[in-house]
N, C-alpha and C. Protein backbone atom coordinates (compact mmCIF):
# COMPACT_ATOMS: atom_id res chain seq x y z
N UNK A 1 40.66 75.26 121.63
CA UNK A 1 40.58 76.23 120.54
C UNK A 1 39.42 75.86 119.61
N UNK A 2 38.68 76.88 119.20
CA UNK A 2 37.52 76.66 118.35
C UNK A 2 37.94 76.36 116.92
N UNK A 3 37.12 75.54 116.27
CA UNK A 3 37.33 75.30 114.85
C UNK A 3 36.78 76.50 114.08
N UNK A 4 37.15 76.60 112.82
CA UNK A 4 36.65 77.67 111.95
C UNK A 4 35.12 77.60 111.88
N UNK A 5 34.58 76.41 111.73
CA UNK A 5 33.14 76.21 111.67
C UNK A 5 32.48 76.74 112.95
N UNK A 6 33.04 76.44 114.10
CA UNK A 6 32.47 76.92 115.36
C UNK A 6 32.55 78.44 115.46
N UNK A 7 33.64 79.03 115.00
CA UNK A 7 33.79 80.49 115.01
C UNK A 7 32.71 81.15 114.17
N UNK A 8 32.51 80.62 112.96
CA UNK A 8 31.51 81.21 112.06
C UNK A 8 30.11 81.02 112.63
N UNK A 9 29.80 79.83 113.11
CA UNK A 9 28.48 79.59 113.70
C UNK A 9 28.21 80.52 114.87
N UNK A 10 29.22 80.76 115.68
CA UNK A 10 29.06 81.66 116.83
C UNK A 10 28.78 83.08 116.37
N UNK A 11 29.46 83.51 115.31
CA UNK A 11 29.25 84.87 114.82
C UNK A 11 27.88 85.07 114.18
N UNK A 12 27.39 84.06 113.47
CA UNK A 12 26.10 84.25 112.78
C UNK A 12 24.91 83.98 113.70
N UNK A 13 25.10 83.16 114.72
CA UNK A 13 23.96 82.81 115.55
C UNK A 13 22.93 82.08 114.70
N UNK A 14 21.81 81.75 115.26
CA UNK A 14 20.76 81.12 114.46
C UNK A 14 21.10 79.73 113.96
N UNK A 15 20.70 79.44 112.73
CA UNK A 15 20.85 78.10 112.14
C UNK A 15 22.33 77.82 111.87
N UNK A 16 22.84 76.71 112.42
CA UNK A 16 24.25 76.38 112.18
C UNK A 16 24.49 75.97 110.72
N UNK A 17 25.68 76.27 110.24
CA UNK A 17 26.05 76.01 108.85
C UNK A 17 25.98 74.51 108.52
N UNK A 18 26.23 73.66 109.49
CA UNK A 18 26.21 72.22 109.20
C UNK A 18 24.83 71.70 108.84
N UNK A 19 23.80 72.53 108.94
CA UNK A 19 22.46 72.12 108.49
C UNK A 19 22.41 72.06 106.95
N UNK A 20 23.35 72.70 106.30
CA UNK A 20 23.40 72.69 104.83
C UNK A 20 23.68 71.27 104.35
N UNK A 21 22.85 70.78 103.44
CA UNK A 21 23.12 69.47 102.84
C UNK A 21 23.49 69.59 101.36
N UNK A 22 23.94 70.78 100.98
CA UNK A 22 24.53 71.06 99.68
C UNK A 22 23.61 70.75 98.50
N UNK A 23 22.39 71.27 98.60
CA UNK A 23 21.44 71.12 97.49
C UNK A 23 21.77 72.10 96.36
N UNK A 24 22.55 73.13 96.66
CA UNK A 24 23.02 74.14 95.71
C UNK A 24 21.93 75.11 95.25
N UNK A 25 20.80 75.16 95.97
CA UNK A 25 19.77 76.14 95.61
C UNK A 25 20.27 77.56 95.83
N UNK A 26 21.14 77.74 96.82
CA UNK A 26 21.71 79.07 97.08
C UNK A 26 22.52 79.54 95.87
N UNK A 27 23.33 78.66 95.35
CA UNK A 27 24.18 79.01 94.21
C UNK A 27 23.33 79.22 92.96
N UNK A 28 22.33 78.38 92.76
CA UNK A 28 21.48 78.51 91.58
C UNK A 28 20.73 79.83 91.55
N UNK A 29 20.39 80.37 92.72
CA UNK A 29 19.64 81.62 92.78
C UNK A 29 20.50 82.86 92.92
N UNK A 30 21.77 82.70 93.21
CA UNK A 30 22.63 83.85 93.47
C UNK A 30 22.87 84.65 92.20
N UNK A 31 22.51 85.94 92.20
CA UNK A 31 22.72 86.75 90.99
C UNK A 31 24.19 87.08 90.72
N UNK A 32 25.07 86.84 91.69
CA UNK A 32 26.48 87.15 91.50
C UNK A 32 27.37 85.92 91.48
N UNK A 33 26.79 84.74 91.51
CA UNK A 33 27.60 83.51 91.53
C UNK A 33 28.54 83.44 90.34
N UNK A 34 28.12 83.96 89.20
CA UNK A 34 28.97 83.90 88.00
C UNK A 34 30.28 84.67 88.19
N UNK A 35 30.28 85.67 89.08
CA UNK A 35 31.46 86.52 89.28
C UNK A 35 32.29 86.11 90.49
N UNK A 36 31.81 85.11 91.23
CA UNK A 36 32.49 84.72 92.46
C UNK A 36 33.61 83.72 92.20
N UNK A 37 34.64 83.84 93.02
CA UNK A 37 35.75 82.90 92.97
C UNK A 37 35.27 81.50 93.38
N UNK A 38 34.48 81.44 94.45
CA UNK A 38 33.85 80.21 94.91
C UNK A 38 32.37 80.49 95.05
N UNK A 39 31.52 79.58 94.61
CA UNK A 39 30.09 79.82 94.75
C UNK A 39 29.69 79.67 96.23
N UNK A 40 28.50 80.17 96.62
CA UNK A 40 28.10 80.13 98.02
C UNK A 40 28.13 78.72 98.63
N UNK A 41 27.70 77.73 97.88
CA UNK A 41 27.72 76.36 98.37
C UNK A 41 29.15 75.91 98.66
N UNK A 42 30.07 76.27 97.80
CA UNK A 42 31.48 75.90 97.98
C UNK A 42 32.07 76.58 99.22
N UNK A 43 31.67 77.83 99.49
CA UNK A 43 32.15 78.52 100.68
C UNK A 43 31.71 77.78 101.93
N UNK A 44 30.48 77.34 101.96
CA UNK A 44 30.00 76.58 103.12
C UNK A 44 30.82 75.30 103.28
N UNK A 45 31.06 74.61 102.19
CA UNK A 45 31.87 73.38 102.25
C UNK A 45 33.28 73.68 102.75
N UNK A 46 33.86 74.78 102.29
CA UNK A 46 35.21 75.15 102.72
C UNK A 46 35.24 75.48 104.21
N UNK A 47 34.19 76.12 104.70
CA UNK A 47 34.11 76.39 106.15
C UNK A 47 34.03 75.08 106.91
N UNK A 48 33.19 74.18 106.43
CA UNK A 48 33.05 72.88 107.09
C UNK A 48 34.37 72.10 107.09
N UNK A 49 35.18 72.32 106.08
CA UNK A 49 36.47 71.62 105.97
C UNK A 49 37.60 72.37 106.68
N UNK A 50 37.29 73.52 107.30
CA UNK A 50 38.29 74.26 108.06
C UNK A 50 39.25 75.07 107.22
N UNK A 51 38.87 75.44 106.02
CA UNK A 51 39.75 76.17 105.10
C UNK A 51 39.67 77.68 105.34
N UNK A 52 40.03 78.09 106.53
CA UNK A 52 39.90 79.47 106.97
C UNK A 52 40.67 80.45 106.10
N UNK A 53 41.93 80.18 105.84
CA UNK A 53 42.76 81.11 105.06
C UNK A 53 42.20 81.31 103.66
N UNK A 54 41.77 80.24 103.03
CA UNK A 54 41.24 80.32 101.67
C UNK A 54 39.93 81.12 101.63
N UNK A 55 39.06 80.88 102.62
CA UNK A 55 37.77 81.56 102.65
C UNK A 55 37.96 83.05 102.95
N UNK A 56 38.71 83.37 103.99
CA UNK A 56 38.87 84.77 104.38
C UNK A 56 39.71 85.55 103.37
N UNK A 57 40.51 84.87 102.59
CA UNK A 57 41.32 85.53 101.58
C UNK A 57 40.66 85.57 100.22
N UNK A 58 39.46 85.02 100.10
CA UNK A 58 38.82 84.94 98.78
C UNK A 58 38.07 86.24 98.46
N UNK A 59 37.87 86.45 97.18
CA UNK A 59 37.09 87.62 96.75
C UNK A 59 35.59 87.36 96.92
N UNK A 60 35.20 86.12 97.05
CA UNK A 60 33.78 85.76 97.14
C UNK A 60 33.07 86.48 98.27
N UNK A 61 33.69 86.54 99.44
CA UNK A 61 33.00 87.14 100.59
C UNK A 61 32.73 88.63 100.36
N UNK A 62 33.51 89.24 99.49
CA UNK A 62 33.32 90.66 99.19
C UNK A 62 32.37 90.86 98.02
N UNK A 63 32.14 89.84 97.22
CA UNK A 63 31.24 89.94 96.07
C UNK A 63 29.77 89.83 96.46
N UNK A 64 29.49 89.16 97.57
CA UNK A 64 28.11 88.95 98.00
C UNK A 64 27.41 90.29 98.19
N UNK A 65 26.24 90.43 97.57
CA UNK A 65 25.47 91.67 97.64
C UNK A 65 24.48 91.66 98.81
N UNK A 66 24.44 90.59 99.57
CA UNK A 66 23.53 90.45 100.70
C UNK A 66 22.07 90.66 100.28
N UNK A 67 21.72 90.18 99.10
CA UNK A 67 20.36 90.30 98.59
C UNK A 67 19.42 89.29 99.27
N UNK A 68 19.99 88.28 99.89
CA UNK A 68 19.28 87.24 100.64
C UNK A 68 18.47 86.28 99.77
N UNK A 69 18.73 86.27 98.47
CA UNK A 69 18.08 85.28 97.61
C UNK A 69 18.44 83.87 98.07
N UNK A 70 19.69 83.69 98.46
CA UNK A 70 20.15 82.38 98.93
C UNK A 70 19.38 81.94 100.17
N UNK A 71 19.11 82.87 101.06
CA UNK A 71 18.41 82.56 102.30
C UNK A 71 16.98 82.13 102.01
N UNK A 72 16.32 82.83 101.10
CA UNK A 72 14.93 82.49 100.79
C UNK A 72 14.83 81.15 100.07
N UNK A 73 15.87 80.76 99.36
CA UNK A 73 15.85 79.50 98.61
C UNK A 73 16.28 78.30 99.46
N UNK A 74 16.98 78.53 100.56
CA UNK A 74 17.54 77.44 101.35
C UNK A 74 16.43 76.67 102.09
N UNK A 75 16.34 75.36 101.85
CA UNK A 75 15.30 74.57 102.53
C UNK A 75 15.56 74.41 104.03
N UNK A 76 16.77 74.72 104.48
CA UNK A 76 17.11 74.60 105.90
C UNK A 76 17.33 75.94 106.58
N UNK A 77 16.98 77.03 105.91
CA UNK A 77 17.09 78.38 106.43
C UNK A 77 18.50 78.75 106.89
N UNK A 78 19.53 78.22 106.23
CA UNK A 78 20.90 78.64 106.52
C UNK A 78 21.05 80.07 106.00
N UNK A 79 21.46 80.97 106.88
CA UNK A 79 21.54 82.39 106.52
C UNK A 79 22.90 82.68 105.91
N UNK A 80 23.02 82.44 104.62
CA UNK A 80 24.29 82.60 103.92
C UNK A 80 24.68 84.08 103.84
N UNK A 81 23.72 84.97 103.69
CA UNK A 81 24.04 86.40 103.64
C UNK A 81 24.67 86.84 104.96
N UNK A 82 24.13 86.40 106.08
CA UNK A 82 24.71 86.72 107.39
C UNK A 82 26.08 86.07 107.53
N UNK A 83 26.22 84.86 107.01
CA UNK A 83 27.51 84.17 107.04
C UNK A 83 28.56 84.96 106.28
N UNK A 84 28.21 85.46 105.08
CA UNK A 84 29.15 86.24 104.28
C UNK A 84 29.54 87.52 105.02
N UNK A 85 28.58 88.15 105.68
CA UNK A 85 28.87 89.36 106.45
C UNK A 85 29.82 89.03 107.60
N UNK A 86 29.58 87.91 108.27
CA UNK A 86 30.47 87.49 109.37
C UNK A 86 31.87 87.21 108.84
N UNK A 87 31.96 86.60 107.67
CA UNK A 87 33.27 86.30 107.07
C UNK A 87 34.00 87.59 106.70
N UNK A 88 33.27 88.58 106.19
CA UNK A 88 33.91 89.87 105.90
C UNK A 88 34.45 90.49 107.17
N UNK A 89 33.65 90.43 108.24
CA UNK A 89 34.09 91.00 109.52
C UNK A 89 35.31 90.25 110.05
N UNK A 90 35.31 88.93 109.94
CA UNK A 90 36.47 88.15 110.38
C UNK A 90 37.71 88.52 109.56
N UNK A 91 37.53 88.74 108.28
CA UNK A 91 38.64 89.11 107.40
C UNK A 91 39.21 90.47 107.81
N UNK A 92 38.33 91.42 108.08
CA UNK A 92 38.77 92.76 108.50
C UNK A 92 39.52 92.67 109.83
N UNK A 93 38.93 91.95 110.79
CA UNK A 93 39.55 91.82 112.11
C UNK A 93 40.91 91.14 112.06
N UNK A 94 41.09 90.24 111.10
CA UNK A 94 42.37 89.53 111.00
C UNK A 94 43.41 90.34 110.21
N UNK A 95 42.98 91.47 109.65
CA UNK A 95 43.91 92.34 108.93
C UNK A 95 44.23 91.89 107.51
N UNK A 96 43.44 90.98 106.97
CA UNK A 96 43.67 90.53 105.59
C UNK A 96 43.19 91.58 104.61
N UNK A 97 43.99 91.89 103.63
CA UNK A 97 43.50 92.82 102.60
C UNK A 97 42.55 92.10 101.65
N UNK A 98 41.54 92.80 101.17
CA UNK A 98 40.62 92.22 100.20
C UNK A 98 41.35 92.09 98.86
N UNK A 99 41.01 91.07 98.09
CA UNK A 99 41.65 90.86 96.78
C UNK A 99 41.39 92.02 95.82
N UNK A 100 40.16 92.51 95.81
CA UNK A 100 39.84 93.64 94.96
C UNK A 100 40.39 94.89 95.62
N UNK A 101 41.07 95.69 94.87
CA UNK A 101 41.85 96.81 95.42
C UNK A 101 41.05 97.74 96.32
N UNK A 102 39.85 98.11 95.95
CA UNK A 102 39.13 99.14 96.69
C UNK A 102 37.86 98.66 97.38
N UNK A 103 37.64 97.37 97.44
CA UNK A 103 36.38 96.88 97.99
C UNK A 103 36.25 97.20 99.48
N UNK A 104 37.32 97.14 100.22
CA UNK A 104 37.26 97.46 101.65
C UNK A 104 37.00 98.96 101.85
N UNK A 105 37.54 99.78 100.97
CA UNK A 105 37.29 101.22 101.05
C UNK A 105 35.82 101.52 100.77
N UNK A 106 35.23 100.80 99.82
CA UNK A 106 33.80 100.96 99.54
C UNK A 106 32.97 100.50 100.73
N UNK A 107 33.34 99.35 101.29
CA UNK A 107 32.66 98.81 102.47
C UNK A 107 32.68 99.83 103.61
N UNK A 108 33.83 100.41 103.86
CA UNK A 108 33.97 101.39 104.94
C UNK A 108 33.18 102.66 104.66
N UNK A 109 33.17 103.12 103.40
CA UNK A 109 32.38 104.30 103.03
C UNK A 109 30.89 104.03 103.22
N UNK A 110 30.46 102.84 102.86
CA UNK A 110 29.05 102.45 103.03
C UNK A 110 28.67 102.49 104.50
N UNK A 111 29.48 101.85 105.36
CA UNK A 111 29.17 101.82 106.79
C UNK A 111 29.23 103.21 107.41
N UNK A 112 30.20 104.03 107.00
CA UNK A 112 30.30 105.39 107.52
C UNK A 112 29.06 106.20 107.14
N UNK A 113 28.54 105.98 105.95
CA UNK A 113 27.35 106.69 105.50
C UNK A 113 26.13 106.27 106.30
N UNK A 114 26.00 104.99 106.57
CA UNK A 114 24.89 104.50 107.41
C UNK A 114 25.01 105.09 108.81
N UNK A 115 26.22 105.09 109.35
CA UNK A 115 26.46 105.63 110.69
C UNK A 115 26.09 107.11 110.74
N UNK A 116 26.31 107.84 109.65
CA UNK A 116 26.06 109.27 109.59
C UNK A 116 24.57 109.61 109.61
N UNK A 117 23.78 108.90 108.80
CA UNK A 117 22.37 109.29 108.69
C UNK A 117 21.38 108.16 108.81
N UNK A 118 21.86 106.95 109.01
CA UNK A 118 20.95 105.82 109.15
C UNK A 118 20.49 105.23 107.82
N UNK A 119 20.75 105.94 106.75
CA UNK A 119 20.41 105.49 105.39
C UNK A 119 21.55 105.89 104.47
N UNK A 120 21.50 105.36 103.26
CA UNK A 120 22.53 105.68 102.28
C UNK A 120 22.17 106.97 101.54
N UNK A 121 23.13 107.86 101.47
CA UNK A 121 23.05 109.03 100.61
C UNK A 121 24.13 108.79 99.57
N UNK A 122 23.72 108.37 98.37
CA UNK A 122 24.67 107.95 97.34
C UNK A 122 25.74 108.98 97.02
N UNK A 123 25.39 110.24 96.78
CA UNK A 123 26.46 111.20 96.44
C UNK A 123 27.50 111.35 97.56
N UNK A 124 27.05 111.44 98.80
CA UNK A 124 28.00 111.58 99.91
C UNK A 124 28.84 110.32 100.04
N UNK A 125 28.21 109.16 99.94
CA UNK A 125 28.95 107.91 100.05
C UNK A 125 29.99 107.80 98.93
N UNK A 126 29.61 108.15 97.72
CA UNK A 126 30.54 108.04 96.61
C UNK A 126 31.71 109.02 96.75
N UNK A 127 31.45 110.21 97.28
CA UNK A 127 32.55 111.15 97.53
C UNK A 127 33.51 110.55 98.55
N UNK A 128 32.96 109.98 99.63
CA UNK A 128 33.82 109.35 100.64
C UNK A 128 34.65 108.23 100.01
N UNK A 129 34.00 107.41 99.21
CA UNK A 129 34.71 106.30 98.56
C UNK A 129 35.76 106.81 97.57
N UNK A 130 35.38 107.75 96.75
CA UNK A 130 36.30 108.27 95.73
C UNK A 130 37.53 108.91 96.38
N UNK A 131 37.34 109.64 97.46
CA UNK A 131 38.48 110.24 98.17
C UNK A 131 39.38 109.16 98.77
N UNK A 132 38.77 108.13 99.34
CA UNK A 132 39.56 107.05 99.96
C UNK A 132 40.32 106.24 98.91
N UNK A 133 39.68 106.01 97.76
CA UNK A 133 40.30 105.16 96.74
C UNK A 133 41.29 105.92 95.86
N UNK A 134 41.15 107.24 95.82
CA UNK A 134 42.02 108.03 94.95
C UNK A 134 41.59 108.02 93.50
N UNK A 135 40.47 107.38 93.19
CA UNK A 135 39.95 107.29 91.83
C UNK A 135 38.81 108.31 91.70
N UNK A 136 39.17 109.56 91.48
CA UNK A 136 38.19 110.62 91.57
C UNK A 136 37.31 110.79 90.33
N UNK A 137 37.84 110.53 89.15
CA UNK A 137 37.12 110.95 87.96
C UNK A 137 36.77 109.84 86.97
N UNK A 138 37.09 108.59 87.25
CA UNK A 138 36.93 107.53 86.25
C UNK A 138 35.49 107.33 85.79
N UNK A 139 34.53 107.56 86.66
CA UNK A 139 33.13 107.35 86.27
C UNK A 139 32.26 108.58 86.56
N UNK A 140 32.90 109.73 86.52
CA UNK A 140 32.18 110.97 86.81
C UNK A 140 31.06 111.22 85.80
N UNK A 141 31.29 110.93 84.53
CA UNK A 141 30.27 111.17 83.51
C UNK A 141 29.02 110.34 83.79
N UNK A 142 29.21 109.11 84.25
CA UNK A 142 28.06 108.28 84.58
C UNK A 142 27.29 108.87 85.75
N UNK A 143 28.00 109.36 86.77
CA UNK A 143 27.35 109.98 87.93
C UNK A 143 26.56 111.21 87.55
N UNK A 144 27.12 112.04 86.71
CA UNK A 144 26.43 113.24 86.25
C UNK A 144 25.18 112.85 85.45
N UNK A 145 25.34 111.84 84.59
CA UNK A 145 24.19 111.36 83.82
C UNK A 145 23.07 110.83 84.71
N UNK A 146 23.43 110.10 85.74
CA UNK A 146 22.42 109.59 86.68
C UNK A 146 21.73 110.73 87.41
N UNK A 147 22.51 111.73 87.81
CA UNK A 147 21.93 112.90 88.49
C UNK A 147 20.97 113.64 87.56
N UNK A 148 21.38 113.84 86.32
CA UNK A 148 20.54 114.56 85.36
C UNK A 148 19.24 113.82 85.06
N UNK A 149 19.25 112.50 85.14
CA UNK A 149 18.04 111.71 84.89
C UNK A 149 17.20 111.53 86.15
N UNK A 150 17.65 112.12 87.26
CA UNK A 150 16.88 112.03 88.50
C UNK A 150 17.11 110.73 89.28
N UNK A 151 18.15 110.00 88.92
CA UNK A 151 18.44 108.72 89.60
C UNK A 151 19.21 108.92 90.90
N UNK A 152 19.83 110.08 91.06
CA UNK A 152 20.56 110.41 92.28
C UNK A 152 20.02 111.73 92.82
N UNK A 153 19.77 111.79 94.10
CA UNK A 153 19.38 113.07 94.69
C UNK A 153 20.49 113.50 95.64
N UNK A 154 20.64 114.78 95.79
CA UNK A 154 21.71 115.29 96.64
C UNK A 154 21.43 115.01 98.12
N UNK A 155 20.18 115.05 98.49
CA UNK A 155 19.82 114.80 99.89
C UNK A 155 18.92 113.59 99.98
N UNK A 156 19.14 112.80 101.00
CA UNK A 156 18.25 111.66 101.24
C UNK A 156 17.68 111.82 102.64
N UNK A 157 16.53 111.23 102.88
CA UNK A 157 15.93 111.36 104.22
C UNK A 157 16.79 110.66 105.27
N UNK A 158 16.85 111.25 106.43
CA UNK A 158 17.58 110.64 107.55
C UNK A 158 16.63 109.72 108.30
N UNK A 159 17.20 108.77 108.97
CA UNK A 159 16.43 107.89 109.83
C UNK A 159 15.96 108.68 111.03
N UNK A 160 14.71 108.52 111.40
CA UNK A 160 14.17 109.27 112.53
C UNK A 160 14.81 108.86 113.85
N UNK A 161 15.06 107.58 114.01
CA UNK A 161 15.58 107.07 115.27
C UNK A 161 17.08 106.81 115.18
N UNK A 162 17.86 107.90 115.18
CA UNK A 162 19.31 107.76 115.08
C UNK A 162 19.91 107.08 116.31
N UNK A 163 19.23 107.16 117.43
CA UNK A 163 19.71 106.47 118.64
C UNK A 163 19.76 104.96 118.38
N UNK A 164 18.77 104.43 117.70
CA UNK A 164 18.75 102.99 117.37
C UNK A 164 19.92 102.64 116.47
N UNK A 165 20.24 103.50 115.51
CA UNK A 165 21.37 103.26 114.61
C UNK A 165 22.67 103.26 115.42
N UNK A 166 22.84 104.26 116.28
CA UNK A 166 24.04 104.32 117.13
C UNK A 166 24.15 103.09 118.02
N UNK A 167 23.02 102.63 118.55
CA UNK A 167 23.02 101.43 119.40
C UNK A 167 23.46 100.20 118.63
N UNK A 168 23.02 100.08 117.38
CA UNK A 168 23.43 98.93 116.55
C UNK A 168 24.94 98.95 116.34
N UNK A 169 25.48 100.11 116.01
CA UNK A 169 26.93 100.20 115.81
C UNK A 169 27.68 99.96 117.11
N UNK A 170 27.14 100.42 118.23
CA UNK A 170 27.81 100.19 119.53
C UNK A 170 27.83 98.71 119.87
N UNK A 171 26.77 97.98 119.53
CA UNK A 171 26.71 96.54 119.83
C UNK A 171 27.66 95.74 118.97
N UNK A 172 28.02 96.24 117.80
CA UNK A 172 28.89 95.48 116.92
C UNK A 172 30.36 95.72 117.15
N UNK A 173 30.70 96.67 117.99
CA UNK A 173 32.11 96.92 118.30
C UNK A 173 32.63 95.85 119.24
N UNK A 174 33.82 95.31 118.96
CA UNK A 174 34.35 94.27 119.84
C UNK A 174 34.75 94.81 121.20
């Protein structure tokens, strides 16, 4: 049976997590570390220690914005953003609910929107999310304000090569 570390390394491919020597540059550069239950460096340590339940049940894996600041700062090129994505996928596959009530619904709306057009169309994605979460009107005024200022457009360009998008989703299905 594989260890948690081996499972995660297999899912991310590339540089193994054990290359991390805990310099904490990832955490120092992370724009969301202040809001995380465990900072990125701590998550790596927890994986190395086999703390699967704690990691997959934490809110940290859902807080990561995948901005890749951690990756650019890492002297050993450990891909923490890819690791967080793999951990989210492992959490979903294991049937664990996310700590934040609607974060999985947002995640699913985001992926469904990408699958639909290859890019994000914010209004359509937010409608999908709002319908799934049941929270239809809590921030409607902000959305209208953003639309009125030109920050949201009703239509976004579609990806020209939708076959490539479909192929990516087909490869990620177990």
